[in-house]
């Protein structure tokens, strides 16, 4: 069974940490934080979801603080954004809409991290003999955890609570992994298809402004 091997889980973990750390570093730079602040937000965004996952599954110490590859991935992402952000912003501003480009980049990175961590969280849960429901929930929490912590530290309402469909794609991806595992069709190829499914749903939700239902209000200020 795929979940008996660590190779795919490691690849998904490292890739997920890197892209989520990039999003955290971009948010930090945009908020005017110093190098330490950029490092902290990148670390939290990249590793926060994995730490929550490991705590839920009883994995101690959490892989996020014991695997040097994950720590190196987060640090590399933070340094890349810190050193290259200025030149990238100047090029973006030259064509107009520099801030809009940064926001779009954060959302694309967020979508990629969401997809990678949703699938990886479900895989890790299944490898720990979690049931189908538990694996689906752990996958969803792994996907959104880092982004929530990032936004809270950046003093902004978490994307999962206000933006286009966010948690739904994550839960769909982790549920897809569970179904694939139960039907005996889970393989590296189908796992990456699940990653693509989550990414595609999230990007489509952003492009079409698809949102979960909200409570009716009598006026915008209520």
N, C-alpha and C. Protein backbone atom coordinates (compact mmCIF):
# COMPACT_ATOMS: atom_id res chain seq x y z
N UNK A 1 0.86 -1.19 0.00
CA UNK A 1 0.00 0.00 0.00
C UNK A 1 0.89 1.24 0.00
N UNK A 2 0.46 2.27 -0.70
CA UNK A 2 1.28 3.46 -0.86
C UNK A 2 1.63 4.09 0.46
N UNK A 3 0.69 4.10 1.41
CA UNK A 3 0.93 4.78 2.67
C UNK A 3 1.94 4.05 3.54
N UNK A 4 2.40 2.86 3.13
CA UNK A 4 3.43 2.16 3.88
C UNK A 4 4.82 2.70 3.55
N UNK A 5 4.94 3.48 2.50
CA UNK A 5 6.23 4.06 2.11
C UNK A 5 6.23 5.54 2.43
N UNK A 6 7.43 6.06 2.73
CA UNK A 6 7.54 7.45 3.15
C UNK A 6 7.93 8.39 2.01
N UNK A 7 8.28 7.85 0.87
CA UNK A 7 8.83 8.69 -0.19
C UNK A 7 7.85 9.75 -0.69
N UNK A 8 6.63 9.33 -1.04
CA UNK A 8 5.66 10.29 -1.55
C UNK A 8 5.27 11.29 -0.47
N UNK A 9 5.10 10.83 0.76
CA UNK A 9 4.76 11.73 1.87
C UNK A 9 5.84 12.79 2.06
N UNK A 10 7.10 12.38 1.95
CA UNK A 10 8.20 13.32 2.12
C UNK A 10 8.22 14.36 1.01
N UNK A 11 8.02 13.92 -0.22
CA UNK A 11 7.99 14.85 -1.35
C UNK A 11 6.87 15.86 -1.18
N UNK A 12 5.67 15.38 -0.83
CA UNK A 12 4.54 16.27 -0.63
C UNK A 12 4.80 17.23 0.52
N UNK A 13 5.42 16.72 1.59
CA UNK A 13 5.73 17.56 2.75
C UNK A 13 6.69 18.68 2.38
N UNK A 14 7.79 18.34 1.73
CA UNK A 14 8.80 19.34 1.39
C UNK A 14 8.23 20.38 0.42
N UNK A 15 7.52 19.92 -0.60
CA UNK A 15 6.92 20.85 -1.57
C UNK A 15 5.87 21.73 -0.90
N UNK A 16 5.03 21.12 -0.05
CA UNK A 16 3.99 21.89 0.64
C UNK A 16 4.58 22.93 1.56
N UNK A 17 5.62 22.55 2.31
CA UNK A 17 6.27 23.51 3.21
C UNK A 17 6.84 24.67 2.41
N UNK A 18 7.49 24.38 1.29
CA UNK A 18 8.14 25.43 0.51
C UNK A 18 7.14 26.45 -0.02
N UNK A 19 6.06 25.97 -0.65
CA UNK A 19 5.12 26.92 -1.25
C UNK A 19 4.33 27.68 -0.19
N UNK A 20 3.97 27.02 0.91
CA UNK A 20 3.27 27.72 1.97
C UNK A 20 4.21 28.72 2.66
N UNK A 21 5.49 28.35 2.81
CA UNK A 21 6.46 29.28 3.40
C UNK A 21 6.65 30.49 2.50
N UNK A 22 6.64 30.29 1.19
CA UNK A 22 6.70 31.42 0.27
C UNK A 22 5.53 32.38 0.50
N UNK A 23 4.33 31.82 0.65
CA UNK A 23 3.15 32.67 0.88
C UNK A 23 3.28 33.41 2.21
N UNK A 24 3.78 32.72 3.24
CA UNK A 24 3.96 33.38 4.53
C UNK A 24 4.98 34.50 4.46
N UNK A 25 6.09 34.27 3.74
CA UNK A 25 7.11 35.29 3.60
C UNK A 25 6.59 36.49 2.81
N UNK A 26 5.80 36.23 1.77
CA UNK A 26 5.22 37.33 0.99
C UNK A 26 4.29 38.19 1.84
N UNK A 27 3.47 37.54 2.66
CA UNK A 27 2.58 38.28 3.55
C UNK A 27 3.40 39.11 4.53
N UNK A 28 4.47 38.53 5.06
CA UNK A 28 5.31 39.22 6.04
C UNK A 28 5.97 40.45 5.43
N UNK A 29 6.52 40.31 4.23
CA UNK A 29 7.17 41.44 3.57
C UNK A 29 6.15 42.53 3.25
N UNK A 30 4.98 42.12 2.81
CA UNK A 30 3.93 43.08 2.51
C UNK A 30 3.47 43.83 3.75
N UNK A 31 3.56 43.20 4.92
CA UNK A 31 3.19 43.85 6.18
C UNK A 31 4.34 44.64 6.79
N UNK A 32 5.49 44.66 6.11
CA UNK A 32 6.61 45.47 6.56
C UNK A 32 7.42 44.86 7.68
N UNK A 33 7.42 43.53 7.84
CA UNK A 33 8.17 42.88 8.91
C UNK A 33 9.65 42.79 8.54
N UNK A 34 10.51 42.67 9.57
CA UNK A 34 11.94 42.54 9.32
C UNK A 34 12.27 41.09 8.98
N UNK A 35 13.58 40.81 8.83
CA UNK A 35 14.01 39.48 8.41
C UNK A 35 13.53 38.40 9.38
N UNK A 36 13.62 38.69 10.68
CA UNK A 36 13.16 37.71 11.65
C UNK A 36 11.66 37.46 11.50
N UNK A 37 10.89 38.54 11.31
CA UNK A 37 9.45 38.39 11.13
C UNK A 37 9.12 37.59 9.88
N UNK A 38 9.88 37.82 8.81
CA UNK A 38 9.68 37.06 7.57
C UNK A 38 9.95 35.58 7.81
N UNK A 39 11.03 35.29 8.55
CA UNK A 39 11.36 33.91 8.86
C UNK A 39 10.26 33.24 9.69
N UNK A 40 9.77 33.97 10.69
CA UNK A 40 8.74 33.41 11.57
C UNK A 40 7.47 33.10 10.80
N UNK A 41 7.01 34.07 9.98
CA UNK A 41 5.76 33.86 9.24
C UNK A 41 5.92 32.76 8.20
N UNK A 42 7.10 32.68 7.57
CA UNK A 42 7.35 31.60 6.62
C UNK A 42 7.34 30.25 7.33
N UNK A 43 7.97 30.18 8.51
CA UNK A 43 8.03 28.94 9.27
C UNK A 43 6.63 28.51 9.72
N UNK A 44 5.86 29.46 10.23
CA UNK A 44 4.52 29.15 10.71
C UNK A 44 3.62 28.69 9.57
N UNK A 45 3.67 29.42 8.46
CA UNK A 45 2.82 29.06 7.32
C UNK A 45 3.21 27.70 6.73
N UNK A 46 4.53 27.46 6.65
CA UNK A 46 4.99 26.23 6.03
C UNK A 46 4.87 25.00 6.91
N UNK A 47 5.07 25.18 8.22
CA UNK A 47 5.14 24.03 9.11
C UNK A 47 3.97 23.92 10.09
N UNK A 48 3.18 24.98 10.20
CA UNK A 48 2.09 24.97 11.18
C UNK A 48 1.09 23.86 10.96
N UNK A 49 0.67 23.64 9.72
CA UNK A 49 -0.31 22.59 9.43
C UNK A 49 0.23 21.21 9.75
N UNK A 50 1.52 20.98 9.44
CA UNK A 50 2.12 19.69 9.73
C UNK A 50 2.26 19.43 11.23
N UNK A 51 2.54 20.49 11.98
CA UNK A 51 2.65 20.33 13.44
C UNK A 51 1.29 19.95 14.03
N UNK A 52 0.23 20.64 13.58
CA UNK A 52 -1.11 20.31 14.06
C UNK A 52 -1.47 18.87 13.70
N UNK A 53 -1.15 18.47 12.48
CA UNK A 53 -1.40 17.09 12.03
C UNK A 53 -0.72 16.08 12.93
N UNK A 54 0.57 16.31 13.20
CA UNK A 54 1.34 15.35 14.00
C UNK A 54 0.86 15.29 15.44
N UNK A 55 0.45 16.44 15.98
CA UNK A 55 -0.10 16.44 17.34
C UNK A 55 -1.38 15.62 17.40
N UNK A 56 -2.24 15.80 16.41
CA UNK A 56 -3.49 15.03 16.37
C UNK A 56 -3.24 13.53 16.26
N UNK A 57 -2.19 13.16 15.51
CA UNK A 57 -1.91 11.75 15.26
C UNK A 57 -0.96 11.15 16.29
N UNK A 58 -0.52 11.96 17.25
CA UNK A 58 0.37 11.45 18.29
C UNK A 58 1.79 11.20 17.82
N UNK A 59 2.23 11.93 16.78
CA UNK A 59 3.59 11.80 16.28
C UNK A 59 4.48 12.78 17.03
N UNK A 60 5.38 12.27 17.85
CA UNK A 60 6.25 13.13 18.64
C UNK A 60 7.72 12.71 18.48
N UNK A 61 8.62 13.72 18.35
CA UNK A 61 8.30 15.13 18.11
C UNK A 61 7.73 15.29 16.71
N UNK A 62 6.97 16.36 16.47
CA UNK A 62 6.41 16.57 15.13
C UNK A 62 7.51 16.59 14.07
N UNK A 63 7.21 16.00 12.92
CA UNK A 63 8.18 15.95 11.83
C UNK A 63 8.65 17.35 11.45
N UNK A 64 7.77 18.32 11.59
CA UNK A 64 8.08 19.69 11.17
C UNK A 64 9.25 20.29 11.95
N UNK A 65 9.51 19.78 13.15
CA UNK A 65 10.62 20.33 13.94
C UNK A 65 11.76 19.32 14.10
N UNK A 66 11.63 18.16 13.49
CA UNK A 66 12.67 17.14 13.62
C UNK A 66 13.32 16.78 12.29
N UNK A 67 12.69 17.14 11.18
CA UNK A 67 13.22 16.82 9.86
C UNK A 67 13.91 18.07 9.29
N UNK A 68 15.23 18.03 9.15
CA UNK A 68 15.98 19.20 8.69
C UNK A 68 15.57 19.64 7.29
N UNK A 69 15.08 18.70 6.49
CA UNK A 69 14.69 19.06 5.12
C UNK A 69 13.51 20.02 5.11
N UNK A 70 12.57 19.84 6.03
CA UNK A 70 11.42 20.73 6.11
C UNK A 70 11.84 22.11 6.62
N UNK A 71 12.70 22.12 7.64
CA UNK A 71 13.18 23.40 8.16
C UNK A 71 13.98 24.14 7.10
N UNK A 72 14.82 23.43 6.36
CA UNK A 72 15.63 24.06 5.31
C UNK A 72 14.74 24.61 4.21
N UNK A 73 13.68 23.89 3.88
CA UNK A 73 12.75 24.33 2.84
C UNK A 73 12.08 25.65 3.23
N UNK A 74 11.66 25.76 4.49
CA UNK A 74 11.03 26.99 4.97
C UNK A 74 12.01 28.15 4.99
N UNK A 75 13.24 27.89 5.45
CA UNK A 75 14.25 28.95 5.50
C UNK A 75 14.62 29.42 4.10
N UNK A 76 14.77 28.48 3.17
CA UNK A 76 15.11 28.83 1.80
C UNK A 76 14.02 29.70 1.17
N UNK A 77 12.77 29.36 1.42
CA UNK A 77 11.65 30.14 0.88
C UNK A 77 11.66 31.55 1.46
N UNK A 78 11.89 31.66 2.77
CA UNK A 78 11.90 32.97 3.43
C UNK A 78 13.02 33.84 2.88
N UNK A 79 14.21 33.28 2.75
CA UNK A 79 15.35 34.05 2.24
C UNK A 79 15.13 34.47 0.79
N UNK A 80 14.56 33.59 -0.01
CA UNK A 80 14.31 33.90 -1.41
C UNK A 80 13.38 35.10 -1.54
N UNK A 81 12.29 35.09 -0.76
CA UNK A 81 11.34 36.21 -0.82
C UNK A 81 11.99 37.49 -0.28
N UNK A 82 12.71 37.37 0.84
CA UNK A 82 13.32 38.55 1.46
C UNK A 82 14.33 39.22 0.52
N UNK A 83 15.12 38.42 -0.18
CA UNK A 83 16.17 38.96 -1.04
C UNK A 83 15.67 39.40 -2.41
N UNK A 84 14.64 38.75 -2.92
CA UNK A 84 14.20 39.00 -4.29
C UNK A 84 12.93 39.83 -4.40
N UNK A 85 12.26 40.08 -3.26
CA UNK A 85 10.96 40.75 -3.31
C UNK A 85 11.07 42.14 -3.94
N UNK A 86 12.10 42.90 -3.57
CA UNK A 86 12.23 44.27 -4.07
C UNK A 86 12.30 44.34 -5.58
N UNK A 87 13.18 43.52 -6.17
CA UNK A 87 13.32 43.55 -7.62
C UNK A 87 12.07 43.03 -8.31
N UNK A 88 11.44 42.01 -7.72
CA UNK A 88 10.21 41.49 -8.30
C UNK A 88 9.10 42.53 -8.26
N UNK A 89 9.00 43.26 -7.15
CA UNK A 89 7.98 44.29 -7.01
C UNK A 89 8.20 45.41 -8.01
N UNK A 90 9.48 45.79 -8.24
CA UNK A 90 9.76 46.85 -9.20
C UNK A 90 9.36 46.43 -10.61
N UNK A 91 9.64 45.19 -10.95
CA UNK A 91 9.23 44.72 -12.28
C UNK A 91 7.71 44.67 -12.41
N UNK A 92 7.05 44.24 -11.34
CA UNK A 92 5.58 44.17 -11.37
C UNK A 92 4.98 45.57 -11.45
N UNK A 93 5.56 46.50 -10.66
CA UNK A 93 5.04 47.88 -10.65
C UNK A 93 5.27 48.55 -11.98
N UNK A 94 6.32 48.14 -12.71
CA UNK A 94 6.59 48.73 -14.01
C UNK A 94 5.45 48.49 -14.98
N UNK A 95 4.77 47.37 -14.80
CA UNK A 95 3.62 47.08 -15.66
C UNK A 95 2.32 47.50 -15.04
N UNK A 96 2.39 48.09 -13.81
CA UNK A 96 1.18 48.51 -13.11
C UNK A 96 0.60 47.40 -12.27
N UNK A 97 -0.03 47.77 -11.15
CA UNK A 97 -0.70 46.80 -10.31
C UNK A 97 0.22 45.90 -9.53
N UNK A 98 1.30 46.47 -8.96
CA UNK A 98 2.26 45.66 -8.22
C UNK A 98 1.63 44.93 -7.05
N UNK A 99 0.80 45.62 -6.27
CA UNK A 99 0.16 44.99 -5.11
C UNK A 99 -0.78 43.88 -5.54
N UNK A 100 -1.46 44.11 -6.69
CA UNK A 100 -2.37 43.08 -7.18
C UNK A 100 -1.60 41.81 -7.56
N UNK A 101 -0.40 41.97 -8.13
CA UNK A 101 0.42 40.82 -8.48
C UNK A 101 0.84 40.04 -7.24
N UNK A 102 1.18 40.76 -6.17
CA UNK A 102 1.58 40.09 -4.93
C UNK A 102 0.41 39.29 -4.37
N UNK A 103 -0.78 39.91 -4.34
CA UNK A 103 -1.97 39.22 -3.83
C UNK A 103 -2.26 37.97 -4.65
N UNK A 104 -2.13 38.08 -5.96
CA UNK A 104 -2.38 36.92 -6.82
C UNK A 104 -1.35 35.82 -6.55
N UNK A 105 -0.10 36.22 -6.35
CA UNK A 105 0.94 35.23 -6.07
C UNK A 105 0.68 34.50 -4.77
N UNK A 106 0.26 35.25 -3.73
CA UNK A 106 -0.03 34.64 -2.44
C UNK A 106 -1.16 33.63 -2.59
N UNK A 107 -2.17 33.96 -3.35
CA UNK A 107 -3.32 33.06 -3.50
C UNK A 107 -2.96 31.82 -4.30
N UNK A 108 -2.13 31.97 -5.32
CA UNK A 108 -1.71 30.80 -6.09
C UNK A 108 -0.84 29.88 -5.23
N UNK A 109 0.08 30.47 -4.47
CA UNK A 109 0.91 29.67 -3.58
C UNK A 109 0.06 29.00 -2.51
N UNK A 110 -0.92 29.74 -2.01
CA UNK A 110 -1.85 29.20 -1.02
C UNK A 110 -2.59 27.98 -1.58
N UNK A 111 -3.03 28.10 -2.83
CA UNK A 111 -3.76 27.00 -3.47
C UNK A 111 -2.86 25.78 -3.63
N UNK A 112 -1.61 26.02 -4.02
CA UNK A 112 -0.66 24.90 -4.18
C UNK A 112 -0.38 24.23 -2.83
N UNK A 113 -0.13 25.04 -1.80
CA UNK A 113 0.13 24.47 -0.47
C UNK A 113 -1.08 23.73 0.07
N UNK A 114 -2.26 24.30 -0.18
CA UNK A 114 -3.50 23.67 0.26
C UNK A 114 -3.64 22.28 -0.34
N UNK A 115 -3.36 22.17 -1.64
CA UNK A 115 -3.50 20.90 -2.34
C UNK A 115 -2.49 19.87 -1.84
N UNK A 116 -1.24 20.29 -1.71
CA UNK A 116 -0.19 19.37 -1.29
C UNK A 116 -0.42 18.86 0.13
N UNK A 117 -0.80 19.76 1.03
CA UNK A 117 -0.98 19.37 2.43
C UNK A 117 -2.26 18.59 2.66
N UNK A 118 -3.31 18.85 1.88
CA UNK A 118 -4.55 18.09 2.03
C UNK A 118 -4.30 16.62 1.72
N UNK A 119 -3.61 16.36 0.62
CA UNK A 119 -3.32 14.98 0.22
C UNK A 119 -2.32 14.35 1.19
N UNK A 120 -1.28 15.09 1.54
CA UNK A 120 -0.27 14.54 2.44
C UNK A 120 -0.84 14.27 3.83
N UNK A 121 -1.68 15.17 4.33
CA UNK A 121 -2.28 14.96 5.65
C UNK A 121 -3.11 13.69 5.70
N UNK A 122 -3.88 13.45 4.63
CA UNK A 122 -4.68 12.23 4.57
C UNK A 122 -3.79 10.99 4.48
N UNK A 123 -2.71 11.09 3.70
CA UNK A 123 -1.80 9.95 3.57
C UNK A 123 -1.15 9.59 4.90
N UNK A 124 -0.68 10.62 5.61
CA UNK A 124 -0.04 10.37 6.90
C UNK A 124 -1.05 9.77 7.88
N UNK A 125 -2.27 10.30 7.89
CA UNK A 125 -3.31 9.77 8.78
C UNK A 125 -3.60 8.31 8.47
N UNK A 126 -3.71 7.97 7.19
CA UNK A 126 -3.96 6.59 6.81
C UNK A 126 -2.80 5.68 7.20
N UNK A 127 -1.57 6.20 7.10
CA UNK A 127 -0.41 5.39 7.47
C UNK A 127 -0.38 5.13 8.97
N UNK A 128 -1.11 5.95 9.73
CA UNK A 128 -1.20 5.77 11.19
C UNK A 128 -2.48 5.03 11.57
N UNK A 129 -3.10 4.39 10.57
CA UNK A 129 -4.31 3.57 10.79
C UNK A 129 -5.51 4.39 11.27
N UNK A 130 -5.58 5.65 10.86
CA UNK A 130 -6.76 6.46 11.16
C UNK A 130 -7.92 5.99 10.29
N UNK A 131 -9.14 6.13 10.78
CA UNK A 131 -10.31 5.77 10.02
C UNK A 131 -10.57 6.75 8.89
N UNK A 132 -11.50 6.42 7.99
CA UNK A 132 -11.78 7.29 6.84
C UNK A 132 -12.16 8.72 7.25
N UNK A 133 -13.06 8.88 8.23
CA UNK A 133 -13.48 10.22 8.65
C UNK A 133 -12.32 10.98 9.27
N UNK A 134 -11.57 10.31 10.15
CA UNK A 134 -10.43 10.96 10.80
C UNK A 134 -9.39 11.39 9.78
N UNK A 135 -9.11 10.53 8.79
CA UNK A 135 -8.12 10.87 7.76
C UNK A 135 -8.57 12.07 6.94
N UNK A 136 -9.85 12.13 6.63
CA UNK A 136 -10.38 13.26 5.86
C UNK A 136 -10.26 14.56 6.64
N UNK A 137 -10.64 14.52 7.91
CA UNK A 137 -10.58 15.72 8.74
C UNK A 137 -9.14 16.16 8.98
N UNK A 138 -8.26 15.21 9.27
CA UNK A 138 -6.85 15.54 9.50
C UNK A 138 -6.24 16.14 8.23
N UNK A 139 -6.59 15.59 7.08
CA UNK A 139 -6.10 16.16 5.83
C UNK A 139 -6.55 17.60 5.64
N UNK A 140 -7.82 17.87 5.94
CA UNK A 140 -8.32 19.24 5.81
C UNK A 140 -7.65 20.19 6.78
N UNK A 141 -7.47 19.75 8.02
CA UNK A 141 -6.83 20.60 9.03
C UNK A 141 -5.37 20.86 8.69
N UNK A 142 -4.69 19.83 8.19
CA UNK A 142 -3.30 20.00 7.78
C UNK A 142 -3.18 21.06 6.69
N UNK A 143 -4.15 21.06 5.78
CA UNK A 143 -4.12 21.99 4.65
C UNK A 143 -4.36 23.44 5.07
N UNK A 144 -5.28 23.66 5.99
CA UNK A 144 -5.65 25.04 6.33
C UNK A 144 -4.90 25.58 7.55
N UNK A 145 -4.29 24.69 8.33
CA UNK A 145 -3.69 25.11 9.60
C UNK A 145 -2.62 26.16 9.46
N UNK A 146 -1.67 25.96 8.56
CA UNK A 146 -0.58 26.91 8.40
C UNK A 146 -1.06 28.27 7.93
N UNK A 147 -2.02 28.28 7.00
CA UNK A 147 -2.55 29.55 6.51
C UNK A 147 -3.29 30.31 7.59
N UNK A 148 -4.02 29.60 8.44
CA UNK A 148 -4.74 30.26 9.53
C UNK A 148 -3.76 30.90 10.50
N UNK A 149 -2.73 30.15 10.91
CA UNK A 149 -1.74 30.70 11.83
C UNK A 149 -1.00 31.89 11.22
N UNK A 150 -0.68 31.80 9.94
CA UNK A 150 -0.02 32.91 9.23
C UNK A 150 -0.86 34.17 9.28
N UNK A 151 -2.15 34.04 8.95
CA UNK A 151 -3.02 35.20 8.90
C UNK A 151 -3.27 35.79 10.28
N UNK A 152 -3.38 34.95 11.29
CA UNK A 152 -3.58 35.44 12.66
C UNK A 152 -2.37 36.26 13.11
N UNK A 153 -1.17 35.75 12.85
CA UNK A 153 0.04 36.48 13.23
C UNK A 153 0.20 37.77 12.43
N UNK A 154 -0.33 37.78 11.21
CA UNK A 154 -0.26 38.98 10.37
C UNK A 154 -1.41 39.94 10.64
N UNK A 155 -2.23 39.61 11.64
CA UNK A 155 -3.36 40.44 12.07
C UNK A 155 -4.35 40.69 10.93
N UNK A 156 -4.74 39.60 10.27
CA UNK A 156 -5.78 39.69 9.25
C UNK A 156 -6.70 38.48 9.38
N UNK A 157 -7.94 38.66 8.95
CA UNK A 157 -8.91 37.57 9.06
C UNK A 157 -8.44 36.40 8.19
N UNK A 158 -8.34 35.19 8.74
CA UNK A 158 -7.87 34.04 7.95
C UNK A 158 -8.67 33.84 6.68
N UNK A 159 -7.94 33.49 5.60
CA UNK A 159 -8.58 33.26 4.31
C UNK A 159 -9.71 32.24 4.41
N UNK A 160 -9.51 31.22 5.24
CA UNK A 160 -10.49 30.15 5.33
C UNK A 160 -11.83 30.64 5.83
N UNK A 161 -11.87 31.78 6.53
CA UNK A 161 -13.11 32.29 7.11
C UNK A 161 -13.81 33.33 6.24
N UNK A 162 -13.16 33.82 5.21
CA UNK A 162 -13.76 34.93 4.48
C UNK A 162 -13.68 34.84 2.97
N UNK A 163 -12.72 34.10 2.43
CA UNK A 163 -12.52 34.12 1.00
C UNK A 163 -13.29 33.01 0.30
N UNK A 164 -13.02 32.90 -1.01
CA UNK A 164 -13.67 31.89 -1.82
C UNK A 164 -13.43 30.50 -1.22
N UNK A 165 -14.15 29.51 -1.75
CA UNK A 165 -14.05 28.16 -1.22
C UNK A 165 -12.61 27.80 -0.88
N UNK A 166 -12.36 27.47 0.36
CA UNK A 166 -10.99 27.23 0.84
C UNK A 166 -10.89 25.87 1.51
N UNK A 167 -11.65 25.68 2.58
CA UNK A 167 -11.61 24.40 3.28
C UNK A 167 -12.28 23.30 2.45
N UNK A 168 -13.28 23.65 1.66
CA UNK A 168 -14.01 22.63 0.88
C UNK A 168 -13.10 21.88 -0.08
N UNK A 169 -12.26 22.58 -0.87
CA UNK A 169 -11.34 21.84 -1.75
C UNK A 169 -10.38 20.93 -0.97
N UNK A 170 -9.92 21.41 0.19
CA UNK A 170 -9.00 20.61 1.00
C UNK A 170 -9.68 19.32 1.47
N UNK A 171 -10.89 19.45 1.96
CA UNK A 171 -11.63 18.27 2.42
C UNK A 171 -11.94 17.33 1.25
N UNK A 172 -12.23 17.92 0.08
CA UNK A 172 -12.50 17.09 -1.10
C UNK A 172 -11.26 16.29 -1.49
N UNK A 173 -10.09 16.93 -1.42
CA UNK A 173 -8.86 16.23 -1.77
C UNK A 173 -8.51 15.12 -0.79
N UNK A 174 -8.64 15.39 0.50
CA UNK A 174 -8.33 14.36 1.49
C UNK A 174 -9.35 13.22 1.42
N UNK A 175 -10.62 13.56 1.15
CA UNK A 175 -11.64 12.51 0.98
C UNK A 175 -11.34 11.66 -0.25
N UNK A 176 -10.84 12.30 -1.32
CA UNK A 176 -10.48 11.55 -2.52
C UNK A 176 -9.36 10.54 -2.23
N UNK A 177 -8.40 10.94 -1.41
CA UNK A 177 -7.31 10.02 -1.04
C UNK A 177 -7.86 8.83 -0.27
N UNK A 178 -8.79 9.10 0.64
CA UNK A 178 -9.39 8.02 1.43
C UNK A 178 -10.14 7.05 0.52
N UNK A 179 -10.89 7.58 -0.44
CA UNK A 179 -11.64 6.72 -1.37
C UNK A 179 -10.68 5.89 -2.22
N UNK A 180 -9.61 6.53 -2.70
CA UNK A 180 -8.62 5.81 -3.49
C UNK A 180 -7.98 4.68 -2.68
N UNK A 181 -7.70 4.97 -1.42
CA UNK A 181 -7.10 3.95 -0.55
C UNK A 181 -8.07 2.79 -0.32
N UNK A 182 -9.33 3.12 -0.08
CA UNK A 182 -10.33 2.09 0.20
C UNK A 182 -10.61 1.21 -1.02
N UNK A 183 -10.47 1.78 -2.21
CA UNK A 183 -10.77 1.02 -3.43
C UNK A 183 -9.52 0.36 -4.01
N UNK A 184 -8.38 0.53 -3.33
CA UNK A 184 -7.16 -0.10 -3.79
C UNK A 184 -6.55 0.54 -5.02
N UNK A 185 -6.91 1.77 -5.31
CA UNK A 185 -6.39 2.45 -6.51
C UNK A 185 -5.43 3.59 -6.15
N UNK A 186 -5.01 3.64 -4.89
CA UNK A 186 -4.10 4.68 -4.47
C UNK A 186 -2.69 4.38 -4.97
N UNK A 187 -2.12 5.33 -5.71
CA UNK A 187 -0.77 5.18 -6.25
C UNK A 187 -0.18 6.59 -6.36
N UNK A 188 1.12 6.70 -6.64
CA UNK A 188 1.68 8.05 -6.81
C UNK A 188 0.92 8.86 -7.86
N UNK A 189 0.54 8.22 -8.95
CA UNK A 189 -0.14 8.94 -10.02
C UNK A 189 -1.51 9.47 -9.55
N UNK A 190 -2.29 8.61 -8.88
CA UNK A 190 -3.63 9.04 -8.45
C UNK A 190 -3.53 10.04 -7.29
N UNK A 191 -2.47 9.93 -6.48
CA UNK A 191 -2.27 10.91 -5.40
C UNK A 191 -2.00 12.30 -5.99
N UNK A 192 -1.18 12.35 -7.03
CA UNK A 192 -0.92 13.64 -7.67
C UNK A 192 -2.15 14.16 -8.40
N UNK A 193 -3.01 13.26 -8.88
CA UNK A 193 -4.28 13.70 -9.46
C UNK A 193 -5.15 14.36 -8.39
N UNK A 194 -5.12 13.82 -7.17
CA UNK A 194 -5.86 14.42 -6.07
C UNK A 194 -5.31 15.80 -5.74
N UNK A 195 -3.99 15.95 -5.80
CA UNK A 195 -3.38 17.28 -5.60
C UNK A 195 -3.89 18.25 -6.66
N UNK A 196 -3.90 17.80 -7.92
CA UNK A 196 -4.37 18.65 -9.00
C UNK A 196 -5.85 19.01 -8.83
N UNK A 197 -6.65 18.06 -8.31
CA UNK A 197 -8.07 18.32 -8.07
C UNK A 197 -8.26 19.46 -7.08
N UNK A 198 -7.55 19.41 -5.96
CA UNK A 198 -7.67 20.45 -4.94
C UNK A 198 -7.22 21.80 -5.51
N UNK A 199 -6.07 21.80 -6.17
CA UNK A 199 -5.55 23.05 -6.73
C UNK A 199 -6.53 23.63 -7.74
N UNK A 200 -7.06 22.77 -8.61
CA UNK A 200 -7.99 23.25 -9.64
C UNK A 200 -9.26 23.83 -9.05
N UNK A 201 -9.83 23.17 -8.04
CA UNK A 201 -11.05 23.68 -7.40
C UNK A 201 -10.79 25.02 -6.74
N UNK A 202 -9.66 25.13 -6.04
CA UNK A 202 -9.34 26.37 -5.34
C UNK A 202 -9.12 27.52 -6.32
N UNK A 203 -8.35 27.29 -7.38
CA UNK A 203 -8.09 28.33 -8.37
C UNK A 203 -9.38 28.74 -9.07
N UNK A 204 -10.22 27.76 -9.38
CA UNK A 204 -11.51 28.06 -10.02
C UNK A 204 -12.39 28.88 -9.10
N UNK A 205 -12.38 28.56 -7.81
CA UNK A 205 -13.18 29.31 -6.85
C UNK A 205 -12.73 30.76 -6.77
N UNK A 206 -11.41 30.98 -6.82
CA UNK A 206 -10.88 32.35 -6.79
C UNK A 206 -11.26 33.08 -8.08
N UNK A 207 -11.09 32.41 -9.21
CA UNK A 207 -11.36 33.05 -10.50
C UNK A 207 -12.83 33.43 -10.66
N UNK A 208 -13.72 32.56 -10.17
CA UNK A 208 -15.15 32.78 -10.34
C UNK A 208 -15.81 33.38 -9.10
N UNK A 209 -15.00 33.65 -8.06
CA UNK A 209 -15.50 34.23 -6.81
C UNK A 209 -16.60 33.35 -6.21
N UNK A 210 -16.33 32.05 -6.13
CA UNK A 210 -17.29 31.11 -5.56
C UNK A 210 -17.11 31.06 -4.06
N UNK A 211 -18.17 31.27 -3.30
CA UNK A 211 -18.10 31.32 -1.85
C UNK A 211 -19.09 30.36 -1.22
N UNK A 212 -18.80 29.95 0.00
CA UNK A 212 -19.77 29.20 0.77
C UNK A 212 -20.91 30.14 1.16
N UNK A 213 -22.11 29.61 1.43
CA UNK A 213 -23.25 30.48 1.80
C UNK A 213 -22.94 31.32 3.03
N UNK A 214 -23.44 32.55 3.02
CA UNK A 214 -23.27 33.44 4.18
C UNK A 214 -24.65 33.83 4.71
N UNK A 215 -24.69 34.18 5.99
CA UNK A 215 -25.96 34.58 6.60
C UNK A 215 -26.46 35.88 5.99
N UNK A 216 -27.78 35.98 5.82
CA UNK A 216 -28.37 37.20 5.29
C UNK A 216 -28.29 38.31 6.34
N UNK A 217 -27.99 39.53 5.88
CA UNK A 217 -27.91 40.68 6.76
C UNK A 217 -28.80 41.78 6.21
N UNK A 218 -29.40 42.54 7.11
CA UNK A 218 -30.31 43.58 6.67
C UNK A 218 -29.57 44.75 6.03
N UNK A 219 -28.31 44.97 6.45
CA UNK A 219 -27.49 46.05 5.88
C UNK A 219 -26.03 45.65 5.98
N UNK A 220 -25.16 46.21 5.12
CA UNK A 220 -23.76 45.83 5.13
C UNK A 220 -23.07 46.04 6.46
N UNK A 221 -23.53 46.97 7.25
CA UNK A 221 -22.89 47.28 8.52
C UNK A 221 -23.29 46.37 9.66
N UNK A 222 -24.33 45.54 9.46
CA UNK A 222 -24.81 44.66 10.54
C UNK A 222 -23.87 43.49 10.75
